[in-house]
N, C-alpha and C. Protein backbone atom coordinates (compact mmCIF):
# COMPACT_ATOMS: atom_id res chain seq x y z
N LEU A 1 -8.27 2.57 -8.95
CA LEU A 1 -9.07 3.67 -8.40
C LEU A 1 -10.59 3.32 -8.23
N GLN A 2 -11.00 2.57 -9.29
CA GLN A 2 -12.51 2.24 -9.23
C GLN A 2 -12.78 1.35 -8.02
N ARG A 3 -11.98 0.34 -7.74
CA ARG A 3 -12.31 -0.41 -6.53
C ARG A 3 -12.24 0.36 -5.18
N LEU A 4 -11.25 1.21 -5.12
CA LEU A 4 -11.19 2.04 -3.88
C LEU A 4 -12.35 3.02 -3.73
N LEU A 5 -12.80 3.57 -4.82
CA LEU A 5 -13.98 4.39 -4.82
C LEU A 5 -15.15 3.68 -4.44
N GLU A 6 -15.27 2.35 -4.78
CA GLU A 6 -16.40 1.52 -4.48
C GLU A 6 -16.52 1.15 -3.01
N ILE A 7 -15.38 0.91 -2.42
CA ILE A 7 -15.44 0.46 -1.03
C ILE A 7 -15.21 1.57 0.08
N ALA A 8 -14.64 2.68 -0.28
CA ALA A 8 -14.41 3.70 0.66
C ALA A 8 -15.69 4.55 0.87
N GLU A 9 -16.11 4.71 2.09
CA GLU A 9 -17.34 5.48 2.39
C GLU A 9 -16.93 6.75 3.14
N GLY A 10 -17.59 7.86 2.68
CA GLY A 10 -17.40 9.11 3.35
C GLY A 10 -16.00 9.51 3.33
N ALA A 11 -15.44 9.73 4.59
CA ALA A 11 -14.13 10.23 4.74
C ALA A 11 -13.03 9.15 4.67
N GLU A 12 -13.31 7.95 4.38
CA GLU A 12 -12.39 6.84 4.39
C GLU A 12 -11.36 6.95 3.16
N PHE A 13 -10.16 6.56 3.46
CA PHE A 13 -9.10 6.44 2.43
C PHE A 13 -8.33 5.13 2.72
N LEU A 14 -7.54 4.83 1.80
CA LEU A 14 -6.68 3.66 1.72
C LEU A 14 -5.36 4.03 2.38
N ARG A 15 -5.04 3.33 3.45
CA ARG A 15 -3.69 3.53 4.22
C ARG A 15 -2.77 2.45 3.78
N LEU A 16 -1.54 2.76 3.40
CA LEU A 16 -0.48 1.79 3.07
C LEU A 16 0.55 1.98 4.07
N GLN A 17 0.94 0.93 4.72
CA GLN A 17 1.97 0.88 5.76
C GLN A 17 2.93 -0.17 5.47
N VAL A 18 4.21 -0.11 5.90
CA VAL A 18 5.15 -1.03 5.77
C VAL A 18 5.56 -1.47 7.19
N GLU A 19 5.55 -2.76 7.41
CA GLU A 19 5.87 -3.24 8.80
C GLU A 19 7.07 -4.39 8.64
N GLY A 20 7.83 -4.59 9.60
CA GLY A 20 8.72 -5.60 9.65
C GLY A 20 8.08 -6.94 9.73
N GLY A 21 8.61 -8.05 8.95
CA GLY A 21 7.96 -9.35 8.94
C GLY A 21 7.83 -9.74 7.62
N GLY A 22 7.09 -10.93 7.50
CA GLY A 22 6.91 -11.55 6.15
C GLY A 22 8.08 -12.44 5.83
N CYS A 23 8.08 -13.16 4.76
CA CYS A 23 9.17 -14.02 4.47
C CYS A 23 10.37 -13.32 3.89
N SER A 24 10.27 -12.10 3.53
CA SER A 24 11.37 -11.27 2.95
C SER A 24 11.98 -10.20 3.76
N GLY A 25 11.32 -10.02 4.91
CA GLY A 25 11.87 -8.88 5.81
C GLY A 25 10.84 -7.83 6.16
N PHE A 26 10.14 -7.31 5.15
CA PHE A 26 9.20 -6.21 5.28
C PHE A 26 7.94 -6.70 4.61
N GLN A 27 6.74 -6.19 5.15
CA GLN A 27 5.54 -6.46 4.55
C GLN A 27 4.60 -5.31 4.36
N TYR A 28 3.73 -5.37 3.35
CA TYR A 28 2.79 -4.24 3.17
C TYR A 28 1.57 -4.60 3.90
N LYS A 29 0.98 -3.44 4.46
CA LYS A 29 -0.26 -3.60 5.20
C LYS A 29 -1.21 -2.51 4.58
N PHE A 30 -2.44 -2.93 4.22
CA PHE A 30 -3.47 -2.01 3.61
C PHE A 30 -4.61 -1.99 4.58
N SER A 31 -5.17 -0.83 4.88
CA SER A 31 -6.33 -0.81 5.61
C SER A 31 -7.19 0.47 5.21
N LEU A 32 -8.42 0.52 5.42
CA LEU A 32 -9.27 1.68 5.33
C LEU A 32 -9.12 2.47 6.63
N ASP A 33 -9.05 3.81 6.48
CA ASP A 33 -8.79 4.60 7.68
C ASP A 33 -9.52 5.95 7.51
N THR A 34 -9.81 6.76 8.64
CA THR A 34 -10.39 8.05 8.49
C THR A 34 -9.62 9.08 9.22
N VAL A 35 -8.45 8.68 9.85
CA VAL A 35 -7.83 9.71 10.65
C VAL A 35 -6.43 9.94 10.00
N ILE A 36 -6.18 11.18 9.64
CA ILE A 36 -4.89 11.69 9.10
C ILE A 36 -3.97 11.99 10.29
N GLN A 37 -2.78 11.49 10.25
CA GLN A 37 -1.81 11.76 11.34
C GLN A 37 -0.86 12.82 10.76
N PRO A 38 -0.25 13.61 11.74
CA PRO A 38 0.59 14.75 11.32
C PRO A 38 1.76 14.36 10.36
N ASP A 39 2.27 13.10 10.44
CA ASP A 39 3.40 12.77 9.54
C ASP A 39 3.00 12.00 8.27
N ASP A 40 1.64 11.93 8.12
CA ASP A 40 1.16 11.25 6.73
C ASP A 40 1.35 12.14 5.50
N ARG A 41 1.65 11.32 4.49
CA ARG A 41 1.80 11.97 3.18
C ARG A 41 0.59 11.50 2.32
N ARG A 42 -0.15 12.35 1.60
CA ARG A 42 -1.36 12.07 0.96
C ARG A 42 -1.22 12.08 -0.66
N ALA A 43 -1.92 11.22 -1.26
CA ALA A 43 -2.03 11.24 -2.72
C ALA A 43 -3.49 11.14 -3.05
N ARG A 44 -3.77 11.80 -4.07
CA ARG A 44 -5.23 11.67 -4.68
C ARG A 44 -5.27 11.62 -6.07
N ALA A 45 -6.15 10.75 -6.58
CA ALA A 45 -6.35 10.55 -8.07
C ALA A 45 -7.78 10.24 -8.25
N GLY A 46 -8.39 10.95 -9.07
CA GLY A 46 -9.91 10.59 -9.50
C GLY A 46 -10.78 10.51 -8.32
N GLY A 47 -10.56 11.22 -7.22
CA GLY A 47 -11.38 11.18 -6.12
C GLY A 47 -11.04 10.15 -5.07
N ALA A 48 -10.14 9.26 -5.39
CA ALA A 48 -9.64 8.20 -4.48
C ALA A 48 -8.37 8.75 -3.71
N ARG A 49 -8.22 8.41 -2.40
CA ARG A 49 -7.23 8.90 -1.60
C ARG A 49 -6.36 7.79 -1.10
N VAL A 50 -5.01 7.93 -1.08
CA VAL A 50 -4.20 6.99 -0.53
C VAL A 50 -3.22 7.76 0.41
N VAL A 51 -3.06 7.25 1.60
CA VAL A 51 -2.16 7.92 2.66
C VAL A 51 -1.06 6.92 3.12
N VAL A 52 0.11 7.49 3.22
CA VAL A 52 1.34 6.69 3.70
C VAL A 52 2.03 7.50 4.75
N ASP A 53 2.32 6.90 5.86
CA ASP A 53 3.12 7.59 6.94
C ASP A 53 4.58 7.85 6.47
N VAL A 54 5.20 8.84 6.93
CA VAL A 54 6.47 9.14 6.48
C VAL A 54 7.57 8.05 6.59
N ASP A 55 7.49 7.29 7.68
CA ASP A 55 8.45 6.15 7.77
C ASP A 55 8.18 5.08 6.82
N SER A 56 6.97 4.75 6.42
CA SER A 56 6.78 3.77 5.49
C SER A 56 7.02 4.39 3.99
N LEU A 57 6.88 5.68 3.77
CA LEU A 57 7.19 6.32 2.46
C LEU A 57 8.55 5.96 2.02
N ALA A 58 9.44 5.91 2.88
CA ALA A 58 10.91 5.61 2.51
C ALA A 58 11.05 4.22 1.72
N PHE A 59 10.17 3.30 2.17
CA PHE A 59 10.09 1.96 1.63
C PHE A 59 9.33 1.79 0.36
N VAL A 60 8.43 2.72 0.05
CA VAL A 60 7.44 2.57 -1.06
C VAL A 60 7.49 3.70 -2.01
N LYS A 61 8.40 4.67 -1.91
CA LYS A 61 8.49 5.85 -2.73
C LYS A 61 8.59 5.46 -4.20
N GLY A 62 7.71 5.90 -5.02
CA GLY A 62 7.70 5.58 -6.45
C GLY A 62 6.94 4.25 -6.90
N SER A 63 6.31 3.62 -5.79
CA SER A 63 5.58 2.41 -6.06
C SER A 63 4.22 2.69 -6.68
N MET A 64 3.68 1.64 -7.30
CA MET A 64 2.43 1.63 -7.96
C MET A 64 1.47 0.60 -7.10
N VAL A 65 0.40 1.14 -6.80
CA VAL A 65 -0.62 0.25 -5.97
C VAL A 65 -1.66 -0.06 -6.97
N ASP A 66 -2.13 -1.34 -6.94
CA ASP A 66 -3.23 -1.80 -7.86
C ASP A 66 -4.21 -2.78 -7.07
N PHE A 67 -5.34 -2.99 -7.57
CA PHE A 67 -6.29 -3.93 -6.96
C PHE A 67 -6.14 -5.13 -7.87
N SER A 68 -5.95 -6.29 -7.17
CA SER A 68 -5.78 -7.61 -7.87
C SER A 68 -6.97 -8.55 -7.42
N GLN A 69 -7.57 -9.05 -8.42
CA GLN A 69 -8.75 -10.02 -8.11
C GLN A 69 -8.31 -11.33 -8.85
N GLU A 70 -8.17 -12.33 -7.91
CA GLU A 70 -7.83 -13.73 -8.35
C GLU A 70 -8.77 -14.69 -7.83
N LEU A 71 -8.67 -15.92 -8.18
CA LEU A 71 -9.55 -17.05 -7.71
C LEU A 71 -9.45 -17.17 -6.18
N ILE A 72 -8.24 -17.07 -5.57
CA ILE A 72 -8.10 -17.35 -4.15
C ILE A 72 -8.15 -16.03 -3.28
N ARG A 73 -8.07 -14.85 -3.79
CA ARG A 73 -8.13 -13.64 -3.03
C ARG A 73 -8.27 -12.40 -3.98
N SER A 74 -8.75 -11.34 -3.31
CA SER A 74 -8.91 -10.06 -3.95
C SER A 74 -8.27 -9.05 -2.91
N SER A 75 -7.30 -8.21 -3.33
CA SER A 75 -6.71 -7.34 -2.47
C SER A 75 -6.00 -6.24 -3.19
N PHE A 76 -5.62 -5.15 -2.45
CA PHE A 76 -4.85 -4.17 -2.93
C PHE A 76 -3.42 -4.74 -2.89
N GLN A 77 -2.57 -4.39 -3.76
CA GLN A 77 -1.19 -4.82 -3.74
C GLN A 77 -0.24 -3.79 -4.36
N VAL A 78 0.99 -3.78 -3.85
CA VAL A 78 1.97 -2.92 -4.49
C VAL A 78 2.54 -3.84 -5.65
N VAL A 79 2.29 -3.37 -6.90
CA VAL A 79 2.76 -4.09 -8.11
C VAL A 79 4.05 -3.74 -8.62
N SER A 80 4.54 -2.60 -8.29
CA SER A 80 5.91 -2.07 -8.72
C SER A 80 6.53 -1.24 -7.57
N ASN A 81 7.63 -1.70 -6.97
CA ASN A 81 8.20 -0.88 -5.93
C ASN A 81 9.71 -0.74 -6.30
N PRO A 82 10.13 0.48 -6.67
CA PRO A 82 11.63 0.45 -6.98
C PRO A 82 12.50 0.54 -5.75
N GLN A 83 11.95 0.48 -4.62
CA GLN A 83 12.85 0.47 -3.40
C GLN A 83 13.13 -1.10 -2.97
N ALA A 84 12.33 -2.05 -3.71
CA ALA A 84 12.38 -3.46 -3.25
C ALA A 84 13.42 -4.19 -4.15
N GLU A 85 14.29 -5.00 -3.49
CA GLU A 85 15.17 -5.83 -4.13
C GLU A 85 14.58 -7.03 -4.69
N LYS A 86 13.79 -7.76 -3.82
CA LYS A 86 13.14 -8.87 -4.26
C LYS A 86 11.88 -9.07 -3.36
N GLY A 87 10.90 -9.93 -3.73
CA GLY A 87 9.77 -10.06 -2.97
C GLY A 87 9.32 -11.47 -2.95
N CYS A 88 8.34 -11.85 -2.10
CA CYS A 88 7.85 -13.26 -2.11
C CYS A 88 6.94 -13.40 -3.26
N SER A 89 6.52 -14.59 -3.53
CA SER A 89 5.69 -14.98 -4.64
C SER A 89 4.26 -14.44 -4.47
N CYS A 90 3.85 -14.21 -3.20
CA CYS A 90 2.46 -13.72 -2.98
C CYS A 90 2.33 -12.30 -2.98
N GLY A 91 3.50 -11.51 -3.16
CA GLY A 91 3.48 -10.08 -3.37
C GLY A 91 3.25 -9.36 -2.08
N THR A 92 3.21 -9.94 -0.85
CA THR A 92 2.96 -9.11 0.38
C THR A 92 4.18 -8.82 1.12
N SER A 93 5.32 -9.45 0.82
CA SER A 93 6.55 -9.02 1.56
C SER A 93 7.69 -8.79 0.59
N PHE A 94 8.72 -8.07 1.05
CA PHE A 94 9.83 -7.69 0.29
C PHE A 94 11.07 -7.42 1.04
N SER A 95 12.15 -7.44 0.32
CA SER A 95 13.45 -6.87 0.95
C SER A 95 13.82 -5.61 0.33
N VAL A 96 14.56 -4.79 0.91
CA VAL A 96 14.86 -3.44 0.41
C VAL A 96 16.29 -3.49 -0.21
N LYS A 97 16.53 -2.51 -1.17
CA LYS A 97 17.87 -2.36 -1.67
C LYS A 97 18.64 -1.48 -0.78
N PHE A 98 19.86 -1.89 -0.73
CA PHE A 98 20.75 -1.02 0.16
C PHE A 98 21.81 -0.31 -0.68
C-alpha cells in the first residue's frame, strides 16, 4: 500500500490485468490508470486503489498483490494466486488450474 500511495498521483490507481503469453501461458500486467471501465472491479485499502477488469478477475480472484524491491528490479507482483497451478521463476507468468 505504501509504495502505491507514493507513486499514484491524483486520480491514479493500480490496474492489474491478465494477458495471454509469458512462459507459462498467462502473464500479469500492472499499470497506473485513471479511467474506470464499466466492467472493472475495484478494491480499496488505506487510500490505495486497485482495479481489475472482470475478465482478468477470474484469473486472479483471491490473489495477494505486493511490491517487491530486489537488486535487479522493483515491481508490483502477484505473490499468492489460488487460481494459478504453477508459475515461472520471475513471478510474471502462470498457468491456471482446471
